[in-house]
Amino acid sequence: MKQVAKDALFGMLVFVAVMACEFIVTLPFGETAYESDRSGWAMLINREFLMTALPAVFVTFAFSFLLKTKSRKEAIRRGMAWTGVFVLMYILTGIGNHDLYLIFGTAGVYVLLACVFSGPVLYSAMRHLS
């Protein structure tokens, strides 16, 4: 249980790093949607999540390397803990901004969550951990 709590705390750092990536990938696009245009917001949010998916794999892979993941079981535990932190943070963001449906109504968030989970697993596969 202690390791899961530690992984969840590092998950907050991973979340901050991925949010920085989200900010960076949205800089080239100056588009905005009107507040009443829900489909426009959904398209922008979906694109943001999809463009952040690949950097999320790199960020979680790097954190797995920096934390010296020792086994495949530990990599899966970290991936699950970090994905759980992301789900919780996106739920809180959605509730706070009254756009929970917009966040979880797009395919991009699920691709991003899968990429967050796959970073540590990919690390364990590349390192041939037992």
Protein backbone atom coordinates (compact mmCIF):
# COMPACT_ATOMS: atom_id res chain seq x y z
CA MET A 1 0.00 0.00 0.00
CA LYS A 2 2.92 2.29 0.77
CA GLN A 3 4.29 1.82 -2.77
CA VAL A 4 0.92 2.65 -4.34
CA ALA A 5 0.75 5.88 -2.34
CA LYS A 6 4.30 6.74 -3.43
CA ASP A 7 3.39 5.99 -7.06
CA ALA A 8 0.28 8.16 -6.76
CA LEU A 9 2.36 11.06 -5.47
CA PHE A 10 4.78 10.66 -8.37
CA GLY A 11 1.67 10.45 -10.54
CA MET A 12 0.96 14.05 -9.59
CA LEU A 13 4.40 15.02 -10.94
CA VAL A 14 3.70 13.03 -14.08
CA PHE A 15 0.39 14.84 -14.43
CA VAL A 16 2.09 18.23 -14.15
CA ALA A 17 4.67 17.20 -16.78
CA VAL A 18 1.97 15.97 -19.17
CA MET A 19 -0.07 19.14 -18.58
CA ALA A 20 3.02 21.13 -19.56
CA CYS A 21 3.15 19.04 -22.74
CA GLU A 22 -0.54 19.77 -23.34
CA PHE A 23 0.21 23.46 -23.07
CA ILE A 24 3.17 23.20 -25.45
CA VAL A 25 1.29 21.26 -28.13
CA THR A 26 -1.60 23.75 -28.09
CA LEU A 27 0.62 26.82 -28.51
CA PRO A 28 0.76 26.67 -32.34
CA PHE A 29 -3.04 26.67 -32.56
CA GLY A 30 -4.67 30.01 -31.92
CA GLU A 31 -8.18 28.68 -32.33
CA THR A 32 -10.85 29.26 -29.77
CA ALA A 33 -14.44 28.21 -29.58
CA TYR A 34 -17.37 30.28 -28.43
CA GLU A 35 -18.69 29.38 -25.02
CA SER A 36 -22.02 28.27 -26.45
CA ASP A 37 -20.35 26.12 -29.13
CA ARG A 38 -20.05 22.78 -27.30
CA SER A 39 -19.07 20.85 -30.45
CA GLY A 40 -16.25 23.31 -31.12
CA TRP A 41 -14.92 22.82 -27.60
CA ALA A 42 -15.20 19.05 -27.94
CA MET A 43 -13.14 19.16 -31.14
CA LEU A 44 -10.46 21.34 -29.51
CA ILE A 45 -10.27 19.17 -26.39
CA ASN A 46 -10.12 15.99 -28.46
CA ARG A 47 -7.29 17.37 -30.60
CA GLU A 48 -5.40 18.50 -27.51
CA PHE A 49 -5.61 15.06 -25.91
CA LEU A 50 -4.66 13.25 -29.11
CA MET A 51 -1.65 15.48 -29.69
CA THR A 52 -0.53 15.00 -26.08
CA ALA A 53 -0.77 11.20 -26.21
CA LEU A 54 2.68 10.60 -27.71
CA PRO A 55 4.49 13.01 -25.35
CA ALA A 56 2.65 11.29 -22.47
CA VAL A 57 4.25 7.98 -23.45
CA PHE A 58 7.68 9.63 -23.41
CA VAL A 59 7.04 11.35 -20.07
CA THR A 60 5.82 8.19 -18.33
CA PHE A 61 8.64 6.18 -19.91
CA ALA A 62 11.15 8.72 -18.59
CA PHE A 63 9.63 8.68 -15.11
CA SER A 64 9.77 4.88 -15.11
CA PHE A 65 13.46 5.11 -16.01
CA LEU A 66 14.17 7.77 -13.38
CA LEU A 67 12.36 5.82 -10.68
CA LYS A 68 14.32 2.68 -11.64
CA THR A 69 11.40 0.36 -12.18
CA LYS A 70 12.64 -3.12 -11.26
CA SER A 71 9.93 -5.50 -12.45
CA ARG A 72 7.03 -5.81 -14.83
CA LYS A 73 4.66 -5.99 -11.87
CA GLU A 74 6.00 -2.69 -10.56
CA ALA A 75 5.66 -1.13 -14.02
CA ILE A 76 2.03 -2.22 -14.27
CA ARG A 77 1.34 -0.92 -10.75
CA ARG A 78 2.87 2.43 -11.63
CA GLY A 79 0.95 2.60 -14.87
CA MET A 80 -2.31 1.88 -13.08
CA ALA A 81 -1.59 4.38 -10.29
CA TRP A 82 -0.62 7.12 -12.74
CA THR A 83 -3.65 6.44 -14.91
CA GLY A 84 -5.84 6.61 -11.81
CA VAL A 85 -4.34 9.98 -10.89
CA PHE A 86 -5.05 11.24 -14.41
CA VAL A 87 -8.65 10.05 -14.29
CA LEU A 88 -9.16 11.68 -10.90
CA MET A 89 -7.60 14.96 -12.00
CA TYR A 90 -9.63 15.10 -15.22
CA ILE A 91 -12.81 14.35 -13.26
CA LEU A 92 -12.03 17.18 -10.84
CA THR A 93 -11.19 19.50 -13.73
CA GLY A 94 -14.40 18.56 -15.53
CA ILE A 95 -16.54 19.11 -12.46
CA GLY A 96 -14.83 22.41 -11.70
CA ASN A 97 -15.28 23.72 -15.23
CA HIS A 98 -18.72 22.17 -15.80
CA ASP A 99 -17.46 20.23 -18.82
CA LEU A 100 -17.11 16.69 -17.54
CA TYR A 101 -19.07 15.41 -20.53
CA LEU A 102 -16.82 17.29 -22.95
CA ILE A 103 -13.69 15.75 -21.46
CA PHE A 104 -14.93 12.17 -21.21
CA GLY A 105 -17.15 12.38 -24.29
CA THR A 106 -14.17 12.46 -26.64
CA ALA A 107 -11.99 9.58 -27.76
CA GLY A 108 -8.81 11.59 -27.17
CA VAL A 109 -8.93 11.32 -23.38
CA TYR A 110 -9.07 7.52 -23.58
CA VAL A 111 -6.13 7.43 -25.98
CA LEU A 112 -4.21 9.69 -23.60
CA LEU A 113 -5.05 7.48 -20.61
CA ALA A 114 -3.94 4.39 -22.55
CA CYS A 115 -0.66 6.12 -23.39
CA VAL A 116 -0.09 7.10 -19.75
CA PHE A 117 -0.55 3.46 -18.78
CA SER A 118 1.59 2.12 -21.61
CA GLY A 119 4.72 4.19 -20.83
CA PRO A 120 5.87 2.12 -17.81
CA VAL A 121 4.76 -1.11 -19.49
CA LEU A 122 6.77 -0.21 -22.58
CA TYR A 123 9.75 0.53 -20.36
CA SER A 124 9.49 -2.90 -18.72
CA ALA A 125 9.19 -4.57 -22.13
CA MET A 126 12.21 -2.74 -23.53
CA ARG A 127 14.33 -3.53 -20.46
CA HIS A 128 13.13 -7.18 -20.48
CA LEU A 129 12.13 -6.99 -16.83
CA SER A 130 10.84 -10.13 -15.19
